[in-house]
C-alpha atoms as a PDB file:
ATOM      1  CA  MET A   1      87.009 155.884 100.032  1.00  0.00           C
ATOM      2  CA  VAL A   2      85.992 155.398  96.400  1.00  0.00           C
ATOM      3  CA  TYR A   3      88.194 153.692  93.794  1.00  0.00           C
ATOM      4  CA  ASN A   4      87.109 154.570  90.254  1.00  0.00           C
ATOM      5  CA  PHE A   5      88.994 152.544  87.643  1.00  0.00           C
ATOM      6  CA  SER A   6      87.794 154.721  84.765  1.00  0.00           C
ATOM      7  CA  THR A   7      90.100 157.570  85.814  1.00  0.00           C
ATOM      8  CA  GLU A   8      92.996 155.857  84.086  1.00  0.00           C
ATOM      9  CA  HIS A   9      93.058 153.403  81.213  1.00  0.00           C
ATOM     10  CA  SER A  10      93.086 149.725  82.098  1.00  0.00           C
ATOM     11  CA  LEU A  11      91.528 146.485  80.924  1.00  0.00           C
ATOM     12  CA  ILE A  12      88.615 147.249  83.236  1.00  0.00           C
ATOM     13  CA  SER A  13      87.757 150.257  81.022  1.00  0.00           C
ATOM     14  CA  ASN A  14      87.722 147.963  77.996  1.00  0.00           C
ATOM     15  CA  TRP A  15      85.388 145.506  79.697  1.00  0.00           C
ATOM     16  CA  VAL A  16      83.069 148.286  80.902  1.00  0.00           C
ATOM     17  CA  SER A  17      82.849 149.608  77.324  1.00  0.00           C
ATOM     18  CA  GLU A  18      81.733 146.153  76.164  1.00  0.00           C
ATOM     19  CA  LEU A  19      79.161 145.933  78.962  1.00  0.00           C
ATOM     20  CA  ARG A  20      77.646 149.195  77.721  1.00  0.00           C
ATOM     21  CA  ASN A  21      77.719 148.284  74.003  1.00  0.00           C
ATOM     22  CA  VAL A  22      74.232 147.295  72.789  1.00  0.00           C
ATOM     23  CA  ALA A  23      75.681 145.066  70.062  1.00  0.00           C
ATOM     24  CA  ILE A  24      78.002 143.128  72.364  1.00  0.00           C
ATOM     25  CA  GLN A  25      75.291 142.898  75.040  1.00  0.00           C
ATOM     26  CA  GLN A  26      73.476 140.372  72.867  1.00  0.00           C
ATOM     27  CA  ASP A  27      76.145 137.833  73.806  1.00  0.00           C
ATOM     28  CA  ARG A  28      75.079 136.885  77.336  1.00  0.00           C
ATOM     29  CA  LEU A  29      78.108 134.686  77.890  1.00  0.00           C
ATOM     30  CA  ARG A  30      80.469 137.564  77.113  1.00  0.00           C
ATOM     31  CA  PHE A  31      78.406 139.952  79.242  1.00  0.00           C
ATOM     32  CA  ARG A  32      78.680 137.645  82.261  1.00  0.00           C
ATOM     33  CA  ARG A  33      82.375 137.016  81.611  1.00  0.00           C
ATOM     34  CA  ASN A  34      83.096 140.745  81.486  1.00  0.00           C
ATOM     35  CA  LEU A  35      81.402 141.187  84.864  1.00  0.00           C
ATOM     36  CA  GLU A  36      83.468 138.301  86.208  1.00  0.00           C
ATOM     37  CA  ARG A  37      86.718 139.760  84.874  1.00  0.00           C
ATOM     38  CA  ILE A  38      86.038 143.183  86.372  1.00  0.00           C
ATOM     39  CA  ALA A  39      85.407 141.541  89.747  1.00  0.00           C
ATOM     40  CA  GLU A  40      88.546 139.412  89.457  1.00  0.00           C
ATOM     41  CA  VAL A  41      90.794 142.428  88.912  1.00  0.00           C
ATOM     42  CA  ILE A  42      89.110 144.417  91.678  1.00  0.00           C
ATOM     43  CA  GLY A  43      89.417 141.393  93.971  1.00  0.00           C
ATOM     44  CA  TYR A  44      93.163 141.381  93.323  1.00  0.00           C
ATOM     45  CA  GLU A  45      93.331 145.083  94.233  1.00  0.00           C
ATOM     46  CA  ILE A  46      91.349 144.516  97.429  1.00  0.00           C
ATOM     47  CA  SER A  47      93.707 141.695  98.412  1.00  0.00           C
ATOM     48  CA  LYS A  48      96.559 144.216  98.601  1.00  0.00           C
ATOM     49  CA  GLN A  49      94.786 145.865 101.547  1.00  0.00           C
ATOM     50  CA  MET A  50      94.153 142.644 103.467  1.00  0.00           C
ATOM     51  CA  GLU A  51      96.320 141.394 106.301  1.00  0.00           C
ATOM     52  CA  THR A  52      98.892 138.701 105.570  1.00  0.00           C
ATOM     53  CA  GLU A  53     100.995 136.388 107.682  1.00  0.00           C
ATOM     54  CA  ASP A  54     104.197 134.422 107.147  1.00  0.00           C
ATOM     55  CA  ALA A  55     103.893 130.757 106.263  1.00  0.00           C
ATOM     56  CA  ALA A  56     106.610 128.136 105.888  1.00  0.00           C
ATOM     57  CA  ILE A  57     105.639 126.106 102.820  1.00  0.00           C
ATOM     58  CA  THR A  58     107.175 122.709 102.157  1.00  0.00           C
ATOM     59  CA  THR A  59     108.289 122.266  98.535  1.00  0.00           C
ATOM     60  CA  PRO A  60     109.866 119.175  96.906  1.00  0.00           C
ATOM     61  CA  MET A  61     113.248 120.905  97.378  1.00  0.00           C
ATOM     62  CA  GLY A  62     112.940 122.494 100.819  1.00  0.00           C
ATOM     63  CA  ILE A  63     111.077 125.214 102.724  1.00  0.00           C
ATOM     64  CA  ALA A  64     109.825 128.463 101.175  1.00  0.00           C
ATOM     65  CA  ASN A  65     108.856 131.402 103.362  1.00  0.00           C
ATOM     66  CA  CYS A  66     105.684 132.885 101.853  1.00  0.00           C
ATOM     67  CA  LYS A  67     103.126 135.574 102.563  1.00  0.00           C
ATOM     68  CA  VAL A  68      99.519 134.327 102.699  1.00  0.00           C
ATOM     69  CA  LEU A  69      96.198 135.898 103.652  1.00  0.00           C
ATOM     70  CA  LYS A  70      95.773 135.926 107.406  1.00  0.00           C
ATOM     71  CA  ASP A  71      92.012 135.465 107.165  1.00  0.00           C
ATOM     72  CA  GLN A  72      89.606 134.608 104.370  1.00  0.00           C
ATOM     73  CA  PRO A  73      86.896 137.162 103.507  1.00  0.00           C
ATOM     74  CA  VAL A  74      83.159 136.694 103.299  1.00  0.00           C
ATOM     75  CA  LEU A  75      81.862 137.267  99.763  1.00  0.00           C
ATOM     76  CA  ALA A  76      78.270 138.506  99.660  1.00  0.00           C
ATOM     77  CA  THR A  77      76.017 139.223  96.718  1.00  0.00           C
ATOM     78  CA  ILE A  78      72.463 140.180  95.895  1.00  0.00           C
ATOM     79  CA  LEU A  79      70.572 137.657  93.770  1.00  0.00           C
ATOM     80  CA  ARG A  80      70.419 137.448  90.830  1.00  0.00           C
ATOM     81  CA  ALA A  81      72.312 140.237  89.100  1.00  0.00           C
ATOM     82  CA  GLY A  82      75.327 139.957  91.393  1.00  0.00           C
ATOM     83  CA  LEU A  83      76.076 136.313  90.647  1.00  0.00           C
ATOM     84  CA  ALA A  84      78.547 136.921  87.809  1.00  0.00           C
ATOM     85  CA  MET A  85      80.665 139.372  89.808  1.00  0.00           C
ATOM     86  CA  HIS A  86      80.434 137.066  92.808  1.00  0.00           C
ATOM     87  CA  ASN A  87      81.830 134.219  90.713  1.00  0.00           C
ATOM     88  CA  GLY A  88      84.694 136.459  89.619  1.00  0.00           C
ATOM     89  CA  LEU A  89      85.597 137.294  93.212  1.00  0.00           C
ATOM     90  CA  LEU A  90      85.234 133.656  94.237  1.00  0.00           C
ATOM     91  CA  SER A  91      87.653 132.537  91.527  1.00  0.00           C
ATOM     92  CA  TYR A  92      90.339 134.639  93.256  1.00  0.00           C
ATOM     93  CA  PHE A  93      89.242 134.291  96.909  1.00  0.00           C
ATOM     94  CA  ASP A  94      88.598 130.593  96.322  1.00  0.00           C
ATOM     95  CA  ARG A  95      88.557 129.678 100.026  1.00  0.00           C
ATOM     96  CA  ALA A  96      86.173 132.457 101.041  1.00  0.00           C
ATOM     97  CA  ASP A  97      82.877 131.954 102.835  1.00  0.00           C
ATOM     98  CA  ASN A  98      79.800 133.156 100.984  1.00  0.00           C
ATOM     99  CA  ALA A  99      76.591 135.036 101.738  1.00  0.00           C
ATOM    100  CA  PHE A 100      73.567 135.394  99.458  1.00  0.00           C
ATOM    101  CA  LEU A 101      70.650 137.806  99.723  1.00  0.00           C
ATOM    102  CA  SER A 102      67.504 138.297  97.700  1.00  0.00           C
ATOM    103  CA  ALA A 103      66.583 141.930  97.139  1.00  0.00           C
ATOM    104  CA  TYR A 104      64.480 143.428  94.392  1.00  0.00           C
ATOM    105  CA  ARG A 105      62.562 146.535  93.468  1.00  0.00           C
ATOM    106  CA  LYS A 106      58.874 146.033  94.242  1.00  0.00           C
ATOM    107  CA  HIS A 107      57.153 148.501  91.912  1.00  0.00           C
ATOM    108  CA  ASN A 108      53.993 150.357  92.888  1.00  0.00           C
ATOM    109  CA  ASP A 109      51.184 151.476  90.587  1.00  0.00           C
ATOM    110  CA  ASP A 110      52.279 155.126  90.855  1.00  0.00           C
ATOM    111  CA  GLY A 111      55.724 154.284  89.413  1.00  0.00           C
ATOM    112  CA  SER A 112      57.551 154.377  92.734  1.00  0.00           C
ATOM    113  CA  PHE A 113      59.236 151.331  94.198  1.00  0.00           C
ATOM    114  CA  GLU A 114      60.411 149.901  97.485  1.00  0.00           C
ATOM    115  CA  ILE A 115      63.149 147.388  98.200  1.00  0.00           C
ATOM    116  CA  ALA A 116      61.896 143.930  99.155  1.00  0.00           C
ATOM    117  CA  LEU A 117      64.445 141.749 100.965  1.00  0.00           C
ATOM    118  CA  GLU A 118      63.123 138.299 101.768  1.00  0.00           C
ATOM    119  CA  TYR A 119      66.071 135.918 102.166  1.00  0.00           C
ATOM    120  CA  MET A 120      69.626 135.766 103.493  1.00  0.00           C
ATOM    121  CA  SER A 121      72.084 132.897 103.902  1.00  0.00           C
ATOM    122  CA  CYS A 122      75.139 134.158 105.758  1.00  0.00           C
ATOM    123  CA  PRO A 123      78.164 132.593 107.502  1.00  0.00           C
ATOM    124  CA  PRO A 124      79.576 134.053 110.760  1.00  0.00           C
ATOM    125  CA  ILE A 125      80.863 137.575 109.975  1.00  0.00           C
ATOM    126  CA  GLU A 126      82.019 138.836 113.380  1.00  0.00           C
ATOM    127  CA  GLY A 127      85.363 140.592 112.938  1.00  0.00           C
ATOM    128  CA  ARG A 128      85.712 139.606 109.272  1.00  0.00           C
ATOM    129  CA  VAL A 129      86.314 141.351 105.958  1.00  0.00           C
ATOM    130  CA  VAL A 130      83.099 141.397 103.897  1.00  0.00           C
ATOM    131  CA  ILE A 131      83.079 142.064 100.140  1.00  0.00           C
ATOM    132  CA  VAL A 132      79.632 142.776  98.665  1.00  0.00           C
ATOM    133  CA  SER A 133      79.233 142.642  94.875  1.00  0.00           C
ATOM    134  CA  ASP A 134      76.436 144.160  92.804  1.00  0.00           C
ATOM    135  CA  PRO A 135      77.001 145.249  89.193  1.00  0.00           C
ATOM    136  CA  MET A 136      74.992 148.474  89.384  1.00  0.00           C
ATOM    137  CA  LEU A 137      75.025 150.977  92.257  1.00  0.00           C
ATOM    138  CA  ALA A 138      72.135 153.213  91.186  1.00  0.00           C
ATOM    139  CA  THR A 139      70.077 154.767  93.998  1.00  0.00           C
ATOM    140  CA  GLY A 140      71.931 152.675  96.568  1.00  0.00           C
ATOM    141  CA  ALA A 141      68.673 151.564  98.191  1.00  0.00           C
ATOM    142  CA  SER A 142      69.145 147.827  97.565  1.00  0.00           C
ATOM    143  CA  LEU A 143      72.758 147.792  98.722  1.00  0.00           C
ATOM    144  CA  ILE A 144      72.054 149.841 101.832  1.00  0.00           C
ATOM    145  CA  LYS A 145      69.229 147.560 102.912  1.00  0.00           C
ATOM    146  CA  ALA A 146      71.236 144.417 102.125  1.00  0.00           C
ATOM    147  CA  ILE A 147      74.321 145.611 104.011  1.00  0.00           C
ATOM    148  CA  GLN A 148      72.255 146.686 107.009  1.00  0.00           C
ATOM    149  CA  PHE A 149      70.730 143.207 107.011  1.00  0.00           C
ATOM    150  CA  ILE A 150      74.201 141.621 106.913  1.00  0.00           C
ATOM    151  CA  LYS A 151      75.457 143.854 109.721  1.00  0.00           C
ATOM    152  CA  GLU A 152      72.734 142.508 111.989  1.00  0.00           C
ATOM    153  CA  ALA A 153      74.644 139.189 111.944  1.00  0.00           C
ATOM    154  CA  GLY A 154      77.771 140.684 113.540  1.00  0.00           C
ATOM    155  CA  ASN A 155      80.379 143.433 113.565  1.00  0.00           C
ATOM    156  CA  ILE A 156      82.243 143.652 110.265  1.00  0.00           C
ATOM    157  CA  LYS A 157      85.977 144.322 110.409  1.00  0.00           C
ATOM    158  CA  LYS A 158      86.198 145.900 106.947  1.00  0.00           C
ATOM    159  CA  LEU A 159      83.478 146.417 104.344  1.00  0.00           C
ATOM    160  CA  HIS A 160      84.040 146.623 100.584  1.00  0.00           C
ATOM    161  CA  VAL A 161      81.462 147.109  97.822  1.00  0.00           C
ATOM    162  CA  VAL A 162      82.357 146.055  94.264  1.00  0.00           C
ATOM    163  CA  CYS A 163      80.325 147.226  91.260  1.00  0.00           C
ATOM    164  CA  ALA A 164      80.798 147.643  87.529  1.00  0.00           C
ATOM    165  CA  ILE A 165      79.069 151.028  87.235  1.00  0.00           C
ATOM    166  CA  ALA A 166      78.013 153.402  90.007  1.00  0.00           C
ATOM    167  CA  ALA A 167      75.913 156.556  90.015  1.00  0.00           C
ATOM    168  CA  THR A 168      77.167 159.569  91.920  1.00  0.00           C
ATOM    169  CA  LYS A 169      73.907 159.808  93.894  1.00  0.00           C
ATOM    170  CA  GLY A 170      74.113 156.129  94.805  1.00  0.00           C
ATOM    171  CA  ILE A 171      77.660 156.520  96.079  1.00  0.00           C
ATOM    172  CA  GLU A 172      76.625 159.515  98.175  1.00  0.00           C
ATOM    173  CA  ALA A 173      73.622 157.669  99.603  1.00  0.00           C
ATOM    174  CA  LEU A 174      75.705 154.599 100.466  1.00  0.00           C
ATOM    175  CA  GLN A 175      78.416 156.663 102.134  1.00  0.00           C
ATOM    176  CA  ALA A 176      75.844 158.615 104.136  1.00  0.00           C
ATOM    177  CA  ALA A 177      74.137 155.452 105.386  1.00  0.00           C
ATOM    178  CA  ILE A 178      77.294 153.356 105.896  1.00  0.00           C
ATOM    179  CA  PRO A 179      80.292 155.705 106.273  1.00  0.00           C
ATOM    180  CA  GLU A 180      82.850 152.925 106.799  1.00  0.00           C
ATOM    181  CA  VAL A 181      82.308 151.405 103.340  1.00  0.00           C
ATOM    182  CA  THR A 182      85.038 151.313 100.668  1.00  0.00           C
ATOM    183  CA  ILE A 183      83.594 151.415  97.139  1.00  0.00           C
ATOM    184  CA  TRP A 184      85.320 149.913  94.097  1.00  0.00           C
ATOM    185  CA  CYS A 185      83.765 150.583  90.674  1.00  0.00           C
ATOM    186  CA  GLY A 186      84.660 150.262  87.021  1.00  0.00           C
ATOM    187  CA  ALA A 187      83.068 153.613  86.129  1.00  0.00           C
ATOM    188  CA  ILE A 188      80.935 156.380  87.629  1.00  0.00           C
ATOM    189  CA  ASP A 189      77.982 158.016  85.841  1.00  0.00           C
ATOM    190  CA  ASP A 190      76.400 161.240  87.108  1.00  0.00           C
ATOM    191  CA  GLU A 191      72.768 160.844  86.032  1.00  0.00           C
ATOM    192  CA  LEU A 192      69.798 158.745  87.175  1.00  0.00           C
ATOM    193  CA  SER A 193      66.499 158.404  85.331  1.00  0.00           C
ATOM    194  CA  ASP A 194      63.184 159.133  87.057  1.00  0.00           C
ATOM    195  CA  LYS A 195      62.855 155.356  87.534  1.00  0.00           C
ATOM    196  CA  GLY A 196      66.222 155.111  89.258  1.00  0.00           C
ATOM    197  CA  TYR A 197      68.289 153.671  86.393  1.00  0.00           C
ATOM    198  CA  ILE A 198      71.838 154.847  85.700  1.00  0.00           C
ATOM    199  CA  ILE A 199      72.345 157.021  82.581  1.00  0.00           C
ATOM    200  CA  PRO A 200      74.123 156.194  80.304  1.00  0.00           C
ATOM    201  CA  GLY A 201      74.678 153.033  82.367  1.00  0.00           C
ATOM    202  CA  LEU A 202      74.147 149.778  80.510  1.00  0.00           C
ATOM    203  CA  GLY A 203      70.517 148.812  81.075  1.00  0.00           C
ATOM    204  CA  ASP A 204      69.333 146.037  83.381  1.00  0.00           C
ATOM    205  CA  ALA A 205      72.399 143.949  84.287  1.00  0.00           C
ATOM    206  CA  GLY A 206      70.325 141.047  85.607  1.00  0.00           C
ATOM    207  CA  ASP A 207      68.276 140.785  82.404  1.00  0.00           C
ATOM    208  CA  LEU A 208      71.350 141.083  80.198  1.00  0.00           C
ATOM    209  CA  ALA A 209      73.179 138.371  82.127  1.00  0.00           C
ATOM    210  CA  TYR A 210      70.325 135.928  82.751  1.00  0.00           C
ATOM    211  CA  GLY A 211      67.306 136.869  80.622  1.00  0.00           C
ATOM    212  CA  SER A 212      64.210 138.990  81.163  1.00  0.00           C
ATOM    213  CA  LYS A 213      62.031 138.534  84.210  1.00  0.00           C
ATOM    214  CA  MET A 214      58.410 139.057  85.218  1.00  0.00           C
ATOM    215  CA  GLN A 215      57.767 142.312  87.082  1.00  0.00           C
ATOM    216  CA  LYS A 216      56.343 141.936  90.590  1.00  0.00           C
END
């Protein structure tokens, strides 16, 4: 299942347009905040699909019967680009457990690259809902490797991936490798460059959010 929020107008479309805009991109604070806001709204939509239970809540005036989440999800992200979207999800799922992974493109002299994954901090995930955030789903290689790494820690009850912009080829690759995934994205672009960047995309989300980095 793929949810593409660009198919109908919403605030998410506005925020995606600002993420793409080269003039607005110069404001790193706004760039990060737009990623956060996209994740917040998608987090709200995901919550509609999560199990709830009845709870009797004591108020100053009596007892209120309320619906609350039955279980808290695990929020996972890939350092460093995913941090802003992770913060957006965490602001809504404020009692969630959290997982962090380091994955990056290790470039070779011939222009090709491989995904290096060197670190993971993960809570127990057996039988839990896991929401993985990464702003750009390009080739899908980083997400596939990261999710496969997470799945080694236990059986996931339900898996969601949240991104700002996805490439069609990346979606297809992710679905082929992990068929049970549900993908939520602000927009879908059809083209990838020969270096694996989304076109028109928005550039390097990690650099735009946190500054340029040395290439390894």
